[in-house]
């Protein structure tokens, strides 16, 4: 399962200071802005987070760790083998 998760994860570069400053209006917590911009810029299917504001934001689809595990095990029960 670890190999499967590794194929699903994307690590992105930090957004530029200019990009962060131009998006200060999108969230209340400025520390969350680079995370949201990175997830959106990477074209993520989901942002996995426990942060309540990011979960509510409409910037990119966000899910909890629990929901991610539900999706993985649902997928696992529909397939004999994961890649």
C-alpha atoms as a PDB file:
ATOM      1  CA  UNK A   1       0.000   0.000   0.000  1.00  0.00           C
ATOM      2  CA  UNK A   2       2.885   2.382   0.692  1.00  0.00           C
ATOM      3  CA  UNK A   3       4.062   2.045  -2.915  1.00  0.00           C
ATOM      4  CA  UNK A   4       0.530   2.790  -4.101  1.00  0.00           C
ATOM      5  CA  UNK A   5       0.317   5.916  -1.940  1.00  0.00           C
ATOM      6  CA  UNK A   6       3.724   7.039  -3.162  1.00  0.00           C
ATOM      7  CA  UNK A   7       2.439   7.015  -6.750  1.00  0.00           C
ATOM      8  CA  UNK A   8      -0.507   9.199  -5.708  1.00  0.00           C
ATOM      9  CA  UNK A   9       1.414  11.959  -3.928  1.00  0.00           C
ATOM     10  CA  UNK A  10       2.642  15.139  -5.593  1.00  0.00           C
ATOM     11  CA  UNK A  11       5.135  17.487  -3.960  1.00  0.00           C
ATOM     12  CA  UNK A  12       5.209  20.980  -5.429  1.00  0.00           C
ATOM     13  CA  UNK A  13       7.503  23.965  -5.197  1.00  0.00           C
ATOM     14  CA  UNK A  14       6.525  26.811  -2.923  1.00  0.00           C
ATOM     15  CA  UNK A  15       4.646  29.577  -4.715  1.00  0.00           C
ATOM     16  CA  UNK A  16       6.498  32.837  -5.231  1.00  0.00           C
ATOM     17  CA  UNK A  17       6.136  35.674  -2.736  1.00  0.00           C
ATOM     18  CA  UNK A  18       4.336  37.684  -5.409  1.00  0.00           C
ATOM     19  CA  UNK A  19       1.818  34.893  -5.951  1.00  0.00           C
ATOM     20  CA  UNK A  20       1.184  34.623  -2.214  1.00  0.00           C
ATOM     21  CA  UNK A  21       0.766  38.396  -1.820  1.00  0.00           C
ATOM     22  CA  UNK A  22      -1.668  38.578  -4.736  1.00  0.00           C
ATOM     23  CA  UNK A  23      -3.831  35.868  -3.115  1.00  0.00           C
ATOM     24  CA  UNK A  24      -3.973  37.126   0.468  1.00  0.00           C
ATOM     25  CA  UNK A  25      -7.722  37.601   0.077  1.00  0.00           C
ATOM     26  CA  UNK A  26      -8.569  33.929  -0.539  1.00  0.00           C
ATOM     27  CA  UNK A  27      -8.203  32.670   3.057  1.00  0.00           C
ATOM     28  CA  UNK A  28      -8.241  34.149   6.547  1.00  0.00           C
ATOM     29  CA  UNK A  29      -5.040  32.408   7.660  1.00  0.00           C
ATOM     30  CA  UNK A  30      -2.107  33.647   5.546  1.00  0.00           C
ATOM     31  CA  UNK A  31      -0.104  30.495   6.429  1.00  0.00           C
ATOM     32  CA  UNK A  32      -2.655  28.408   4.511  1.00  0.00           C
ATOM     33  CA  UNK A  33      -2.343  30.385   1.291  1.00  0.00           C
ATOM     34  CA  UNK A  34       0.842  28.693  -0.036  1.00  0.00           C
ATOM     35  CA  UNK A  35      -0.753  25.292   0.615  1.00  0.00           C
ATOM     36  CA  UNK A  36      -3.932  26.212  -1.264  1.00  0.00           C
ATOM     37  CA  UNK A  37      -2.033  27.770  -4.177  1.00  0.00           C
ATOM     38  CA  UNK A  38       0.293  24.762  -4.404  1.00  0.00           C
ATOM     39  CA  UNK A  39      -2.594  22.267  -4.446  1.00  0.00           C
ATOM     40  CA  UNK A  40      -4.475  24.231  -7.074  1.00  0.00           C
ATOM     41  CA  UNK A  41      -1.389  24.816  -9.211  1.00  0.00           C
ATOM     42  CA  UNK A  42      -0.475  21.134  -9.135  1.00  0.00           C
ATOM     43  CA  UNK A  43      -3.939  20.191 -10.364  1.00  0.00           C
ATOM     44  CA  UNK A  44      -4.462  17.998  -7.328  1.00  0.00           C
ATOM     45  CA  UNK A  45      -7.486  15.748  -7.227  1.00  0.00           C
ATOM     46  CA  UNK A  46      -7.581  16.293  -3.464  1.00  0.00           C
ATOM     47  CA  UNK A  47      -5.806  18.274  -0.816  1.00  0.00           C
ATOM     48  CA  UNK A  48      -5.547  16.016   2.232  1.00  0.00           C
ATOM     49  CA  UNK A  49      -5.703  18.143   5.356  1.00  0.00           C
ATOM     50  CA  UNK A  50      -7.124  18.489   8.819  1.00  0.00           C
ATOM     51  CA  UNK A  51      -7.265  22.273   8.542  1.00  0.00           C
ATOM     52  CA  UNK A  52     -10.899  23.363   8.888  1.00  0.00           C
ATOM     53  CA  UNK A  53     -10.532  26.459   6.707  1.00  0.00           C
ATOM     54  CA  UNK A  54      -8.865  24.561   3.867  1.00  0.00           C
ATOM     55  CA  UNK A  55     -11.575  21.886   4.104  1.00  0.00           C
ATOM     56  CA  UNK A  56     -14.274  24.553   3.657  1.00  0.00           C
ATOM     57  CA  UNK A  57     -12.495  26.594   0.988  1.00  0.00           C
ATOM     58  CA  UNK A  58     -13.589  26.157  -2.605  1.00  0.00           C
ATOM     59  CA  UNK A  59     -10.071  26.564  -3.974  1.00  0.00           C
ATOM     60  CA  UNK A  60      -9.380  22.891  -4.575  1.00  0.00           C
ATOM     61  CA  UNK A  61     -11.210  19.761  -3.384  1.00  0.00           C
ATOM     62  CA  UNK A  62     -10.061  19.040   0.171  1.00  0.00           C
ATOM     63  CA  UNK A  63     -10.605  15.902   2.230  1.00  0.00           C
ATOM     64  CA  UNK A  64      -9.587  14.623   5.645  1.00  0.00           C
ATOM     65  CA  UNK A  65      -7.131  11.775   6.263  1.00  0.00           C
ATOM     66  CA  UNK A  66     -10.090   9.610   7.248  1.00  0.00           C
ATOM     67  CA  UNK A  67     -11.848  10.267   3.933  1.00  0.00           C
ATOM     68  CA  UNK A  68      -8.635   9.481   2.038  1.00  0.00           C
ATOM     69  CA  UNK A  69      -8.377   6.107   3.749  1.00  0.00           C
ATOM     70  CA  UNK A  70     -12.024   5.404   2.957  1.00  0.00           C
ATOM     71  CA  UNK A  71     -11.388   6.176  -0.707  1.00  0.00           C
ATOM     72  CA  UNK A  72      -8.277   3.983  -0.781  1.00  0.00           C
ATOM     73  CA  UNK A  73      -9.954   1.007   0.844  1.00  0.00           C
ATOM     74  CA  UNK A  74     -13.039   1.450  -1.338  1.00  0.00           C
ATOM     75  CA  UNK A  75     -10.730   1.403  -4.377  1.00  0.00           C
ATOM     76  CA  UNK A  76      -8.879  -1.605  -2.944  1.00  0.00           C
ATOM     77  CA  UNK A  77     -12.104  -3.571  -2.542  1.00  0.00           C
ATOM     78  CA  UNK A  78     -12.953  -2.895  -6.200  1.00  0.00           C
ATOM     79  CA  UNK A  79      -9.574  -4.116  -7.489  1.00  0.00           C
ATOM     80  CA  UNK A  80      -7.684  -7.309  -6.925  1.00  0.00           C
ATOM     81  CA  UNK A  81      -4.351  -5.525  -6.852  1.00  0.00           C
ATOM     82  CA  UNK A  82      -3.269  -1.941  -6.506  1.00  0.00           C
ATOM     83  CA  UNK A  83      -0.481  -0.717  -8.750  1.00  0.00           C
END
